[in-house]
Protein backbone atom coordinates (compact mmCIF):
# COMPACT_ATOMS: atom_id res chain seq x y z
CA MET A 1 -85.74 33.03 112.94
CA PRO A 2 -85.37 35.48 110.10
CA GLU A 3 -84.53 39.01 110.89
CA GLU A 4 -87.74 41.38 110.72
CA LEU A 5 -87.35 44.74 109.19
CA SER A 6 -87.71 47.88 111.24
CA VAL A 7 -90.22 50.39 110.23
CA GLY A 8 -87.58 52.76 109.05
CA GLU A 9 -85.96 50.22 107.04
CA LEU A 10 -89.28 49.28 105.45
CA GLY A 11 -90.03 52.90 104.68
CA ARG A 12 -86.65 53.15 103.15
CA ALA A 13 -87.01 50.13 101.00
CA VAL A 14 -90.53 51.34 99.89
CA SER A 15 -89.08 54.63 99.07
CA ALA A 16 -86.30 53.02 96.97
CA LEU A 17 -88.79 50.80 95.19
CA ARG A 18 -91.09 53.83 94.53
CA SER A 19 -88.03 55.65 92.82
CA GLU A 20 -87.15 52.77 90.82
CA ILE A 21 -90.79 52.38 89.59
CA GLN A 22 -90.76 56.03 88.80
CA ALA A 23 -87.54 55.92 86.88
CA MET A 24 -88.83 52.80 84.93
CA ALA A 25 -91.96 54.81 84.43
CA GLN A 26 -89.99 57.68 82.89
CA GLY A 27 -88.07 55.26 80.72
CA ILE A 28 -91.32 53.98 79.34
CA ASN A 29 -92.68 57.36 78.83
CA LEU A 30 -89.56 58.43 76.86
CA ARG A 31 -89.86 55.05 74.83
CA LEU A 32 -93.67 55.84 74.10
CA ASP A 33 -92.77 59.38 72.89
CA LYS A 34 -90.70 57.71 69.97
CA VAL A 35 -93.41 55.18 69.03
CA VAL A 36 -95.15 55.97 65.89
CA SER A 37 -98.84 55.01 65.34
CA THR A 38 -99.61 52.25 63.10
CA GLU A 39 -101.59 54.42 60.66
CA VAL A 40 -98.68 56.79 60.37
CA TYR A 41 -96.22 53.98 59.91
CA SER A 42 -98.28 52.37 57.21
CA LEU A 43 -98.73 55.83 55.36
CA GLN A 44 -94.83 56.46 55.64
CA SER A 45 -93.94 52.90 54.57
CA ALA A 46 -96.45 53.31 51.54
CA TYR A 47 -94.78 56.75 50.58
CA THR A 48 -91.39 55.25 51.10
CA ASP A 49 -92.09 52.37 48.74
CA GLN A 50 -93.69 54.70 46.35
CA ARG A 51 -90.91 57.01 46.36
CA ILE A 52 -88.33 53.92 45.91
CA THR A 53 -90.38 52.77 43.03
CA GLN A 54 -90.27 56.11 41.44
CA LEU A 55 -86.50 56.37 41.88
CA SER A 56 -85.92 53.06 40.58
CA GLN A 57 -88.07 54.06 37.36
CA ASP A 58 -86.23 57.18 37.19
CA LEU A 59 -82.82 55.25 37.37
CA GLN A 60 -83.76 52.85 34.69
CA LYS A 61 -84.70 55.75 32.32
CA ALA A 62 -81.46 57.29 32.96
CA VAL A 63 -79.67 54.02 32.22
CA ASP A 64 -81.61 53.46 29.14
CA ALA A 65 -80.90 57.01 28.03
CA ARG A 66 -77.19 56.59 28.60
CA GLU A 67 -77.08 53.19 26.63
CA ALA A 68 -79.01 54.89 23.76
CA LEU A 69 -76.32 57.85 23.77
CA GLU A 70 -73.55 55.08 23.72
CA ARG A 71 -75.19 53.45 20.89
CA GLU A 72 -75.64 56.57 18.80
CA PHE A 73 -71.94 57.55 19.61
CA GLU A 74 -70.91 54.17 18.56
CA GLN A 75 -72.89 54.59 15.18
CA TYR A 76 -71.41 58.24 14.78
CA GLN A 77 -67.78 57.01 15.22
CA LEU A 78 -68.42 54.15 12.53
CA ALA A 79 -69.97 56.54 10.29
CA GLU A 80 -66.95 59.17 10.75
CA ARG A 81 -64.54 56.35 10.24
CA ASP A 82 -66.34 55.35 6.82
CA ARG A 83 -66.49 58.94 5.77
CA ARG A 84 -62.65 59.54 6.56
CA GLU A 85 -62.04 56.32 4.60
CA ARG A 86 -63.87 57.62 1.65
CA GLU A 87 -62.27 60.95 1.72
CA ARG A 88 -58.89 59.23 1.96
CA GLN A 89 -59.68 57.16 -1.11
CA ALA A 90 -61.01 60.28 -2.98
CA ARG A 91 -57.84 62.12 -2.31
CA LEU A 92 -55.86 58.98 -3.66
CA TYR A 93 -57.69 58.96 -6.81
CA GLN A 94 -57.56 62.73 -7.23
CA MET A 95 -53.76 62.39 -6.77
CA ILE A 96 -53.32 59.17 -8.98
CA VAL A 97 -55.74 60.30 -12.02
CA PRO A 98 -53.53 63.49 -12.98
CA VAL A 99 -50.34 61.51 -12.52
CA LEU A 100 -51.56 58.69 -14.73
CA MET A 101 -52.98 61.15 -17.16
CA GLY A 102 -49.63 62.85 -17.28
CA LEU A 103 -47.83 59.64 -17.74
CA LEU A 104 -50.34 58.45 -20.64
CA ALA A 105 -49.67 61.82 -22.36
CA ALA A 106 -46.04 61.48 -21.86
CA ALA A 107 -46.31 57.93 -23.42
CA ILE A 108 -48.45 59.07 -26.38
CA SER A 109 -45.96 61.88 -27.15
CA VAL A 110 -43.04 59.23 -26.93
CA TRP A 111 -44.76 56.96 -28.96
CA ALA A 112 -45.70 59.56 -31.64
CA VAL A 113 -41.90 60.72 -31.69
CA VAL A 114 -40.96 57.18 -32.08
CA ALA A 115 -43.48 56.15 -34.58
CA LYS A 116 -42.46 58.97 -36.99
């Protein structure tokens, strides 16, 4: 026949169960303190989604501005390269034309002396 528990043992078992139930209730209460209501959660989610959308739009604007700046800088570099090339050619012509004029004058002088 199974052994029957004495009244003292039953009291201790009930007391142990009571303390376990109280500990579980405290754990549940701690978890419930961390729970957020559905309305607050939906509002917070909507705000978070709105903020993420705004940040992505701001990021896209920054990327577009950077790309535009890069295009402008590239155009500036090309224009500057062309300007420098024109200046180089102008300096070359400014140097060659007087030399050619001097050679032409010398040739005319030599021809005038030889033709006499």
